[in-house]
Amino acid sequence: MFRIAERGSTVTREVVGGVSTFMALSYIIFVNPAILSAAGMPHDQVMLATCVSAAVGCLLMAFLANYPVAQAPAMGHNAFFAYTVCGAGVAGAASVLTWQQGLAAVFCSGALFVALSLFGFRSAVLNSIPDALKKSIAAGIGLFIALIGMQYGGLIVDHPATLVTLGHLTSPVALTCLGGLAIIMVLTAWRIRGAVLLGILATGGIAAALGLARWPGQVVSAPANPMSTLGKMDFAGLFDLHTHGWTGLVTIIFVLFFLDLFDTVGTLVGVAERAGFLDEKGRLPRAERALLADATATVVGATLGTSTVSSYIESAAGVTDGARTGLASVVTAALLLASIFFLPLARFIGGEMGGPSLHPIIAPGLIAVGAMMLTVVKDIRWDDPTEGIPAFLTLTVIPFSYSISDGIAFGFIAYALAKLLSGRPRQCPWLVYLFAALFVLKYALVR
C-alpha cells in the first residue's frame, strides 16, 4: 500500500521516523489547550480535539498522498485565534468573535482551502504573494509567539509608562521559565529528538520543585467528554454583519486561509526537499492531494473544537531518520491517539500558576518555537526598501499590536504603496493591491 521498498525504505525506518516526528511535535498536545483556553475554550476538550484532529490529519496525509508529513493544530494559528479572532487578553477589543464563532471561521477557511485544492486554484493564490511578505509574516508570528511565552514566563510584564518592561527575574515563575529555556537550548544544540517536549517536561519538574505546581498523582486517565466543543460552530453569529461588519469577517477568514495555505506549502516544500521528493523541475508530486489532506484536517479540527490544523515542519525529524512513506504518518497518528489518555499530565503542564495568565511550564517551549520561526528573515531582500520596509513593518506590527491580521494589513498596504510610488507597479501582484485596498477600507470604516 505504501510502496515502502520502492521508496528505498523499510518498515523499521518508517516506524522510527513516525516516532521521531511525534516526539518533535508532541509539545502541541500541552501548548494548544493552554493557548485556546485563554479564549474561554474548555482545556480538557481542546486537548482531546488536538490529539484527534492531528491524528485524522496524519491519516489523511498517509492515505491520500503517501507522505511522511504530520498534521496538528498549528502554532501561530492558535495564537491568532485566541488573541486576535477572540480578543483574549485584549481589554476593550472591538468586534471580536466568541470561540464558537471563531471555530465557524476556521471551518469556512478550511472549506475554502478544500475547494481551491480540488480545483487547482491554490497555485494562482500562492504565486500572487511576494516572498518578502510570506517570510516576514512567518517571522512576525515567531516574535508574537515568543512574546506570549515571555509573558507566560513572567519575563516581560506591563508598565504604565513604557507599556512593557522586564519582569522580576528572581521570582519562581521567571526562574522556572529561564531554567526550562536553557534546557531546551542545550538539548536542541545537541540535536536531541523531541528537545522542546523534553524541555517542557523538565520545566514541569522545576515548577514542582519550586512549589509552583503539584504533581497530579496520576498520569493516565479516561479521555475528556468532547460534547462541549464538538460541532459547536456558530455560523449564524459569525455572519451577523450588523455585529462584526463584512470587512472584519472577510479579513478574519482570509487571514486564517492565508496562514494555512502558506504554512502548508512551505512545510511541504521544506520536508519534500530534505526527503528528495521534488522532481527535476522542483515540483512536488501529488501536491494537490497533500493540500487536500491538510485542508480537510482543518475542517475536521474546527468540527471537533480546535484552531487550524496544518502540516508540521517537525516532520523533518522523521524524514531525517529515514521515513519516506505515509506509514510513518500512521505511526505518528497512533501515538497522538494514545496521548488522549494523558489528560492529567496536560492539565499539569498547561495550567495557570503563580498568578493570572502565567504558564511558566509551557513558556520556554513557546519562546524556543518563536526563535525557530525567525530563521526565514535571512532570505528577505533588505537592501531593496520596497521589499525590506514592508517586511519590517509586518514582522514588527504583529507583536507590537498583538495582532497577526494587523501586521499582515500593514505589510500589504506598505508593499502596494512602495511598488506603486517607486514606479514599479507591475512588481506588485494584483491580489496584493486588492487586499491592500480592502485593508485600507477596513481601517477607514472601523472606529
Protein backbone atom coordinates (compact mmCIF):
# COMPACT_ATOMS: atom_id res chain seq x y z
CA MET A 1 0.00 0.00 0.00
CA PHE A 2 2.74 2.49 0.92
CA ARG A 3 5.36 1.24 -1.60
CA ILE A 4 7.99 1.15 1.11
CA ALA A 5 10.60 -0.83 -0.82
CA GLU A 6 10.03 1.28 -3.94
CA ARG A 7 10.78 4.40 -1.90
CA GLY A 8 14.03 2.88 -0.64
CA SER A 9 12.83 2.50 2.93
CA THR A 10 11.97 -0.27 5.39
CA VAL A 11 9.17 -0.81 7.90
CA THR A 12 11.64 -0.25 10.74
CA ARG A 13 12.73 3.11 9.33
CA GLU A 14 9.13 4.17 8.88
CA VAL A 15 8.24 3.27 12.48
CA VAL A 16 11.33 5.03 13.85
CA GLY A 17 10.59 8.06 11.67
CA GLY A 18 6.99 8.21 12.86
CA VAL A 19 8.09 8.08 16.49
CA SER A 20 10.70 10.81 15.90
CA THR A 21 8.11 13.09 14.30
CA PHE A 22 5.74 12.53 17.23
CA MET A 23 8.49 13.37 19.72
CA ALA A 24 9.28 16.56 17.82
CA LEU A 25 5.71 17.89 17.61
CA SER A 26 4.05 16.45 20.73
CA TYR A 27 4.56 19.68 22.69
CA ILE A 28 1.43 20.93 20.87
CA ILE A 29 -0.66 18.49 22.95
CA PHE A 30 0.09 20.63 26.02
CA VAL A 31 0.55 24.06 24.45
CA ASN A 32 -2.57 24.23 22.26
CA PRO A 33 -5.09 23.73 25.09
CA ALA A 34 -3.29 26.32 27.22
CA ILE A 35 -3.45 28.94 24.46
CA LEU A 36 -7.04 28.26 23.35
CA SER A 37 -8.29 28.19 26.93
CA ALA A 38 -7.36 31.89 27.06
CA ALA A 39 -10.27 32.39 24.63
CA GLY A 40 -12.64 30.67 27.04
CA MET A 41 -12.48 27.20 25.50
CA PRO A 42 -12.55 24.21 27.88
CA HIS A 43 -8.98 22.96 28.36
CA ASP A 44 -9.66 19.23 28.56
CA GLN A 45 -11.89 19.11 25.49
CA VAL A 46 -9.38 21.14 23.45
CA MET A 47 -6.67 18.65 24.40
CA LEU A 48 -8.86 15.82 23.09
CA ALA A 49 -9.68 17.76 19.90
CA THR A 50 -5.96 18.50 19.41
CA CYS A 51 -4.96 14.84 19.53
CA VAL A 52 -7.84 13.50 17.44
CA SER A 53 -7.72 16.17 14.72
CA ALA A 54 -3.94 15.79 14.45
CA ALA A 55 -4.31 12.00 14.13
CA VAL A 56 -7.00 12.39 11.45
CA GLY A 57 -4.76 14.80 9.55
CA CYS A 58 -1.83 12.39 9.70
CA LEU A 59 -4.00 9.54 8.39
CA LEU A 60 -5.37 11.70 5.57
CA MET A 61 -1.83 12.61 4.55
CA ALA A 62 -0.80 8.96 4.71
CA PHE A 63 -3.61 7.53 2.62
CA LEU A 64 -4.27 10.41 0.21
CA ALA A 65 -0.70 11.49 -0.56
CA ASN A 66 1.54 8.77 0.97
CA TYR A 67 3.90 11.31 2.54
CA PRO A 68 5.57 11.18 5.99
CA VAL A 69 4.19 14.63 6.83
CA ALA A 70 2.38 15.02 10.14
CA GLN A 71 -0.55 17.33 10.86
CA ALA A 72 -1.53 19.13 14.07
CA PRO A 73 -3.07 22.43 15.23
CA ALA A 74 -0.51 24.99 14.12
CA MET A 75 1.44 27.32 16.36
CA GLY A 76 0.73 30.92 15.40
CA HIS A 77 -2.71 29.96 14.15
CA ASN A 78 -3.82 29.16 17.70
CA ALA A 79 -2.40 32.47 18.92
CA PHE A 80 -4.22 34.32 16.13
CA PHE A 81 -7.43 32.51 17.04
CA ALA A 82 -7.20 33.24 20.77
CA TYR A 83 -5.72 36.73 20.86
CA THR A 84 -6.98 38.33 17.62
CA VAL A 85 -10.10 36.48 16.48
CA CYS A 86 -11.46 36.05 20.02
CA GLY A 87 -9.68 39.03 21.60
CA ALA A 88 -8.33 37.11 24.59
CA GLY A 89 -6.40 39.34 26.97
CA VAL A 90 -7.14 42.48 24.94
CA ALA A 91 -9.17 44.93 27.02
CA GLY A 92 -12.00 46.53 25.10
CA ALA A 93 -11.24 44.65 21.89
CA ALA A 94 -13.78 45.64 19.22
CA SER A 95 -15.84 43.26 17.12
CA VAL A 96 -14.16 40.09 18.40
CA LEU A 97 -15.81 36.72 17.96
CA THR A 98 -16.83 34.15 20.51
CA TRP A 99 -14.82 30.94 20.32
CA GLN A 100 -17.85 29.23 18.76
CA GLN A 101 -17.93 31.87 16.01
CA GLY A 102 -14.14 31.57 15.69
CA LEU A 103 -14.45 27.83 15.05
CA ALA A 104 -17.03 28.60 12.34
CA ALA A 105 -14.50 30.97 10.73
CA VAL A 106 -11.84 28.24 10.86
CA PHE A 107 -14.30 25.83 9.24
CA CYS A 108 -15.02 28.35 6.43
CA SER A 109 -11.31 28.93 5.78
CA GLY A 110 -10.74 25.16 5.67
CA ALA A 111 -13.67 24.65 3.29
CA LEU A 112 -12.26 27.37 1.02
CA PHE A 113 -8.90 25.61 1.11
CA VAL A 114 -10.58 22.32 0.21
CA ALA A 115 -12.27 23.95 -2.80
CA LEU A 116 -9.03 25.50 -4.02
CA SER A 117 -7.21 22.21 -3.59
CA LEU A 118 -9.87 20.30 -5.54
CA PHE A 119 -9.92 22.75 -8.43
CA GLY A 120 -6.20 23.53 -8.52
CA PHE A 121 -6.58 27.28 -7.84
CA ARG A 122 -4.11 27.37 -4.96
CA SER A 123 -1.11 27.93 -7.29
CA ALA A 124 -2.51 31.24 -8.53
CA VAL A 125 -3.10 32.44 -4.98
CA LEU A 126 0.25 31.18 -3.74
CA ASN A 127 2.24 32.77 -6.55
CA SER A 128 0.49 36.11 -6.03
CA ILE A 129 2.01 36.80 -2.60
CA PRO A 130 5.56 38.21 -2.64
CA ASP A 131 8.27 36.26 -0.82
CA ALA A 132 9.07 39.26 1.38
CA LEU A 133 5.56 39.21 2.83
CA LYS A 134 5.45 35.42 3.20
CA LYS A 135 8.71 35.31 5.13
CA SER A 136 8.05 38.39 7.25
CA ILE A 137 4.64 37.04 8.28
CA ALA A 138 6.26 33.80 9.44
CA ALA A 139 8.94 35.76 11.34
CA GLY A 140 6.37 38.13 12.85
CA ILE A 141 4.31 35.21 14.11
CA GLY A 142 7.51 33.83 15.64
CA LEU A 143 8.05 37.10 17.53
CA PHE A 144 4.41 37.08 18.60
CA ILE A 145 4.65 33.53 19.96
CA ALA A 146 7.90 34.41 21.77
CA LEU A 147 6.25 37.49 23.31
CA ILE A 148 3.38 35.36 24.60
CA GLY A 149 5.92 32.90 26.01
CA MET A 150 7.80 35.68 27.79
CA GLN A 151 4.55 36.94 29.27
CA TYR A 152 3.58 33.43 30.38
CA GLY A 153 7.02 33.06 31.97
CA GLY A 154 6.98 36.40 33.79
CA LEU A 155 9.98 37.68 31.82
CA ILE A 156 8.00 40.57 30.32
CA VAL A 157 5.35 42.45 32.32
CA ASP A 158 3.21 45.52 31.71
CA HIS A 159 4.35 49.02 32.67
CA PRO A 160 2.23 52.19 32.85
CA ALA A 161 4.86 54.38 31.16
CA THR A 162 6.66 52.11 28.69
CA LEU A 163 3.83 49.59 28.12
CA VAL A 164 6.20 46.66 28.79
CA THR A 165 9.27 46.12 30.91
CA LEU A 166 11.45 43.34 32.28
CA GLY A 167 9.84 41.21 34.97
CA HIS A 168 11.33 40.11 38.29
CA LEU A 169 13.91 37.60 37.12
CA THR A 170 14.44 36.19 40.62
CA SER A 171 10.78 35.21 41.01
CA PRO A 172 10.00 31.48 40.98
CA VAL A 173 7.98 31.85 37.76
CA ALA A 174 10.78 33.61 35.89
CA LEU A 175 13.42 31.21 37.20
CA THR A 176 11.31 28.27 36.06
CA CYS A 177 10.96 29.78 32.59
CA LEU A 178 14.67 30.61 32.26
CA GLY A 179 15.71 27.18 33.50
CA GLY A 180 13.42 25.45 31.02
CA LEU A 181 14.62 27.64 28.17
CA ALA A 182 18.24 26.79 28.98
CA ILE A 183 17.39 23.08 28.92
CA ILE A 184 15.65 23.34 25.53
CA MET A 185 18.55 25.36 24.13
CA VAL A 186 21.13 22.77 25.21
CA LEU A 187 19.05 19.81 24.00
CA THR A 188 18.48 21.49 20.65
CA ALA A 189 22.19 22.28 20.31
CA TRP A 190 22.94 18.59 20.87
CA ARG A 191 20.27 17.70 18.27
CA ILE A 192 18.26 15.63 20.74
CA ARG A 193 14.96 14.41 19.27
CA GLY A 194 11.94 15.96 20.99
CA ALA A 195 14.02 18.73 22.57
CA VAL A 196 11.02 21.03 23.05
CA LEU A 197 8.89 18.28 24.60
CA LEU A 198 11.69 17.10 26.89
CA GLY A 199 12.37 20.70 27.87
CA ILE A 200 8.71 21.27 28.76
CA LEU A 201 8.65 18.11 30.88
CA ALA A 202 11.87 19.16 32.63
CA THR A 203 10.37 22.61 33.25
CA GLY A 204 7.44 20.88 34.91
CA GLY A 205 9.89 19.22 37.26
CA ILE A 206 11.43 22.60 38.09
CA ALA A 207 7.99 24.10 38.73
CA ALA A 208 7.12 21.26 41.07
CA ALA A 209 10.43 21.62 42.93
CA LEU A 210 9.84 25.37 43.40
CA GLY A 211 6.32 24.79 44.68
CA LEU A 212 4.58 26.36 41.66
CA ALA A 213 2.78 23.17 40.69
CA ARG A 214 1.67 19.99 42.39
CA TRP A 215 2.19 16.68 40.64
CA PRO A 216 -1.29 15.35 39.76
CA GLY A 217 -0.63 11.95 41.33
CA GLN A 218 -1.58 10.14 38.14
CA VAL A 219 -0.56 10.50 34.53
CA VAL A 220 -3.16 8.37 32.76
CA SER A 221 -6.95 8.79 32.89
CA ALA A 222 -10.03 8.42 30.72
CA PRO A 223 -10.32 10.93 27.83
CA ALA A 224 -12.40 14.07 28.27
CA ASN A 225 -16.01 14.22 27.09
CA PRO A 226 -15.92 16.03 23.73
CA MET A 227 -19.51 17.34 23.75
CA SER A 228 -18.74 20.89 24.91
CA THR A 229 -16.71 21.62 21.76
CA LEU A 230 -17.92 19.02 19.24
CA GLY A 231 -19.95 20.70 16.49
CA LYS A 232 -20.28 23.96 18.44
CA MET A 233 -19.55 26.22 15.46
CA ASP A 234 -21.81 29.30 15.44
CA PHE A 235 -22.30 30.21 11.77
CA ALA A 236 -25.30 32.45 12.45
CA GLY A 237 -23.29 34.57 14.86
CA LEU A 238 -20.28 34.63 12.55
CA PHE A 239 -22.27 36.00 9.61
CA ASP A 240 -24.14 38.59 11.67
CA LEU A 241 -22.76 41.56 9.72
CA HIS A 242 -24.56 44.06 11.96
CA THR A 243 -22.27 42.97 14.78
CA HIS A 244 -18.95 42.28 13.07
CA GLY A 245 -19.10 44.08 9.71
CA TRP A 246 -18.26 42.48 6.39
CA THR A 247 -14.71 43.86 6.28
CA GLY A 248 -13.83 42.29 9.62
CA LEU A 249 -15.39 38.99 8.62
CA VAL A 250 -13.58 38.86 5.26
CA THR A 251 -10.30 39.80 6.94
CA ILE A 252 -10.55 37.04 9.55
CA ILE A 253 -11.42 34.29 7.07
CA PHE A 254 -8.79 35.50 4.60
CA VAL A 255 -6.03 35.58 7.22
CA LEU A 256 -6.98 32.10 8.51
CA PHE A 257 -6.91 30.77 4.94
CA PHE A 258 -3.75 32.69 4.10
CA LEU A 259 -1.81 31.38 7.10
CA ASP A 260 -2.89 27.79 6.47
CA LEU A 261 -2.02 27.93 2.77
CA PHE A 262 1.49 29.26 3.19
CA ASP A 263 2.31 27.23 6.27
CA THR A 264 1.28 24.10 4.40
CA VAL A 265 3.09 24.85 1.17
CA GLY A 266 6.24 25.99 2.97
CA THR A 267 6.29 22.87 5.13
CA LEU A 268 5.61 20.51 2.23
CA VAL A 269 8.37 22.04 0.13
CA GLY A 270 10.84 22.06 3.04
CA VAL A 271 10.19 18.44 4.05
CA ALA A 272 10.00 17.24 0.43
CA GLU A 273 13.30 18.88 -0.42
CA ARG A 274 15.01 17.15 2.50
CA ALA A 275 13.45 13.80 1.59
CA GLY A 276 14.21 14.09 -2.13
CA PHE A 277 10.56 14.07 -3.23
CA LEU A 278 10.77 17.06 -5.61
CA ASP A 279 11.03 16.32 -9.33
CA GLU A 280 13.58 17.79 -11.74
CA LYS A 281 11.51 20.97 -12.07
CA GLY A 282 11.22 21.43 -8.32
CA ARG A 283 7.59 20.32 -8.21
CA LEU A 284 6.06 18.08 -5.58
CA PRO A 285 4.21 15.04 -6.95
CA ARG A 286 0.70 14.59 -5.54
CA ALA A 287 0.85 18.15 -4.18
CA GLU A 288 -2.89 18.72 -4.57
CA ARG A 289 -3.61 15.53 -2.59
CA ALA A 290 -1.33 16.69 0.19
CA LEU A 291 -3.03 20.10 0.24
CA LEU A 292 -6.44 18.42 0.26
CA ALA A 293 -5.40 16.32 3.27
CA ASP A 294 -4.28 19.46 5.10
CA ALA A 295 -7.43 21.40 4.25
CA THR A 296 -9.73 18.54 5.23
CA ALA A 297 -7.92 18.22 8.56
CA THR A 298 -8.68 21.89 9.27
CA VAL A 299 -12.40 21.29 8.64
CA VAL A 300 -12.31 18.24 10.93
CA GLY A 301 -10.40 20.18 13.59
CA ALA A 302 -12.93 23.02 13.61
CA THR A 303 -15.75 20.49 13.96
CA LEU A 304 -14.00 18.81 16.90
CA GLY A 305 -13.07 22.09 18.58
CA THR A 306 -9.61 23.41 17.74
CA SER A 307 -7.96 26.06 15.62
CA THR A 308 -6.40 25.49 12.19
CA VAL A 309 -4.71 22.13 11.61
CA SER A 310 -1.69 22.31 9.31
CA SER A 311 1.40 20.41 8.17
CA TYR A 312 4.25 20.41 10.69
CA ILE A 313 7.84 21.21 9.79
CA GLU A 314 8.81 18.87 12.67
CA SER A 315 8.09 16.09 10.16
CA ALA A 316 11.66 16.72 9.01
CA ALA A 317 12.78 14.87 12.15
CA GLY A 318 11.15 11.69 10.87
CA VAL A 319 12.47 12.20 7.36
CA THR A 320 15.98 12.59 8.76
CA ASP A 321 15.55 9.21 10.46
CA GLY A 322 14.64 7.58 7.16
CA ALA A 323 10.85 7.95 6.81
CA ARG A 324 9.77 8.12 3.17
CA THR A 325 6.14 6.96 3.12
CA GLY A 326 2.77 7.51 4.74
CA LEU A 327 3.35 4.59 7.10
CA ALA A 328 5.38 6.96 9.29
CA SER A 329 2.35 9.27 9.47
CA VAL A 330 0.20 6.31 10.53
CA VAL A 331 2.63 5.64 13.40
CA THR A 332 2.51 9.31 14.43
CA ALA A 333 -1.30 9.21 14.31
CA ALA A 334 -1.39 6.14 16.58
CA LEU A 335 0.81 7.88 19.17
CA LEU A 336 -1.35 11.01 19.02
CA LEU A 337 -4.47 8.94 19.69
CA ALA A 338 -2.71 7.22 22.61
CA SER A 339 -1.97 10.66 24.06
CA ILE A 340 -5.65 11.37 24.77
CA PHE A 341 -5.29 9.22 27.89
CA PHE A 342 -2.62 11.58 29.36
CA LEU A 343 -5.10 14.28 30.39
CA PRO A 344 -3.74 14.77 33.95
CA LEU A 345 -0.29 15.46 32.52
CA ALA A 346 -1.76 18.01 30.09
CA ARG A 347 -3.54 19.78 32.97
CA PHE A 348 -0.32 19.84 34.99
CA ILE A 349 1.74 21.33 32.15
CA GLY A 350 -0.81 23.73 30.67
CA GLY A 351 -2.47 25.05 33.82
CA GLU A 352 -2.05 28.61 35.07
CA MET A 353 0.12 29.07 38.16
CA GLY A 354 1.78 31.84 40.08
CA GLY A 355 -0.79 34.45 39.04
CA PRO A 356 -3.23 35.29 36.23
CA SER A 357 -2.15 34.18 32.75
CA LEU A 358 1.17 32.73 33.93
CA HIS A 359 2.09 29.40 32.34
CA PRO A 360 5.79 29.01 33.17
CA ILE A 361 5.93 25.33 32.16
CA ILE A 362 4.95 25.90 28.53
CA ALA A 363 6.58 29.35 28.28
CA PRO A 364 10.09 28.06 27.35
CA GLY A 365 8.60 25.97 24.54
CA LEU A 366 6.81 29.00 23.09
CA ILE A 367 9.98 31.09 23.19
CA ALA A 368 12.02 28.33 21.55
CA VAL A 369 9.46 27.76 18.77
CA GLY A 370 9.30 31.51 18.16
CA ALA A 371 13.07 31.64 17.79
CA MET A 372 12.99 28.80 15.26
CA MET A 373 10.44 30.66 13.14
CA LEU A 374 12.75 33.68 12.78
CA THR A 375 15.31 31.90 10.59
CA VAL A 376 13.47 32.93 7.40
CA VAL A 377 14.40 36.62 7.77
CA LYS A 378 17.80 35.94 6.22
CA ASP A 379 16.12 35.42 2.84
CA ILE A 380 14.37 38.82 2.76
CA ARG A 381 15.92 41.37 0.38
CA TRP A 382 16.65 44.02 2.99
CA ASP A 383 18.72 46.10 0.55
CA ASP A 384 15.59 46.89 -1.50
CA PRO A 385 13.42 49.35 0.51
CA THR A 386 10.28 48.35 -1.40
CA GLU A 387 10.81 44.82 -0.06
CA GLY A 388 12.59 45.42 3.25
CA ILE A 389 10.40 48.14 4.77
CA PRO A 390 7.06 46.35 4.17
CA ALA A 391 8.66 43.19 5.57
CA PHE A 392 9.93 45.11 8.61
CA LEU A 393 6.50 46.64 9.24
CA THR A 394 4.87 43.22 9.01
CA LEU A 395 7.14 41.42 11.45
CA THR A 396 7.15 44.28 13.99
CA VAL A 397 3.48 45.32 13.89
CA ILE A 398 2.36 41.72 14.57
CA PRO A 399 3.87 41.54 18.10
CA PHE A 400 3.60 45.29 18.87
CA SER A 401 -0.12 45.41 18.04
CA TYR A 402 -0.74 41.93 19.45
CA SER A 403 -2.50 41.16 16.18
CA ILE A 404 -1.38 38.98 13.29
CA SER A 405 -4.05 40.39 10.98
CA ASP A 406 -2.95 43.99 11.62
CA GLY A 407 0.65 43.06 10.84
CA ILE A 408 -0.42 41.45 7.57
CA ALA A 409 -2.53 44.50 6.75
CA PHE A 410 0.39 46.89 7.29
CA GLY A 411 2.61 44.69 5.14
CA PHE A 412 0.14 44.51 2.25
CA ILE A 413 -0.58 48.24 2.29
CA ALA A 414 3.10 49.20 2.56
CA TYR A 415 4.14 46.79 -0.21
CA ALA A 416 1.46 48.06 -2.61
CA LEU A 417 2.31 51.71 -1.93
CA ALA A 418 6.06 51.12 -2.15
CA LYS A 419 5.85 49.46 -5.56
CA LEU A 420 3.28 51.94 -6.88
CA LEU A 421 5.05 55.12 -5.77
CA SER A 422 8.52 53.92 -6.75
CA GLY A 423 7.46 53.45 -10.36
CA ARG A 424 7.40 49.64 -10.22
CA PRO A 425 3.66 48.88 -10.09
CA ARG A 426 3.97 45.67 -12.11
CA GLN A 427 6.20 44.12 -9.45
CA CYS A 428 3.20 44.05 -7.12
CA PRO A 429 0.63 41.30 -7.89
CA TRP A 430 -2.97 42.39 -8.37
CA LEU A 431 -4.06 40.32 -5.38
CA VAL A 432 -1.85 42.40 -3.09
CA TYR A 433 -3.38 45.61 -4.47
CA LEU A 434 -6.84 44.18 -3.90
CA PHE A 435 -6.29 43.23 -0.30
CA ALA A 436 -4.33 46.42 0.42
CA ALA A 437 -7.41 48.37 -0.71
CA LEU A 438 -9.67 46.19 1.44
CA PHE A 439 -7.43 46.71 4.48
CA VAL A 440 -7.43 50.49 3.93
CA LEU A 441 -11.22 50.41 3.68
CA LYS A 442 -11.41 48.39 6.88
CA TYR A 443 -9.34 50.93 8.82
CA ALA A 444 -11.34 53.80 7.32
CA LEU A 445 -14.69 52.30 8.33
CA VAL A 446 -13.88 50.65 11.65
CA ARG A 447 -13.50 53.10 14.52
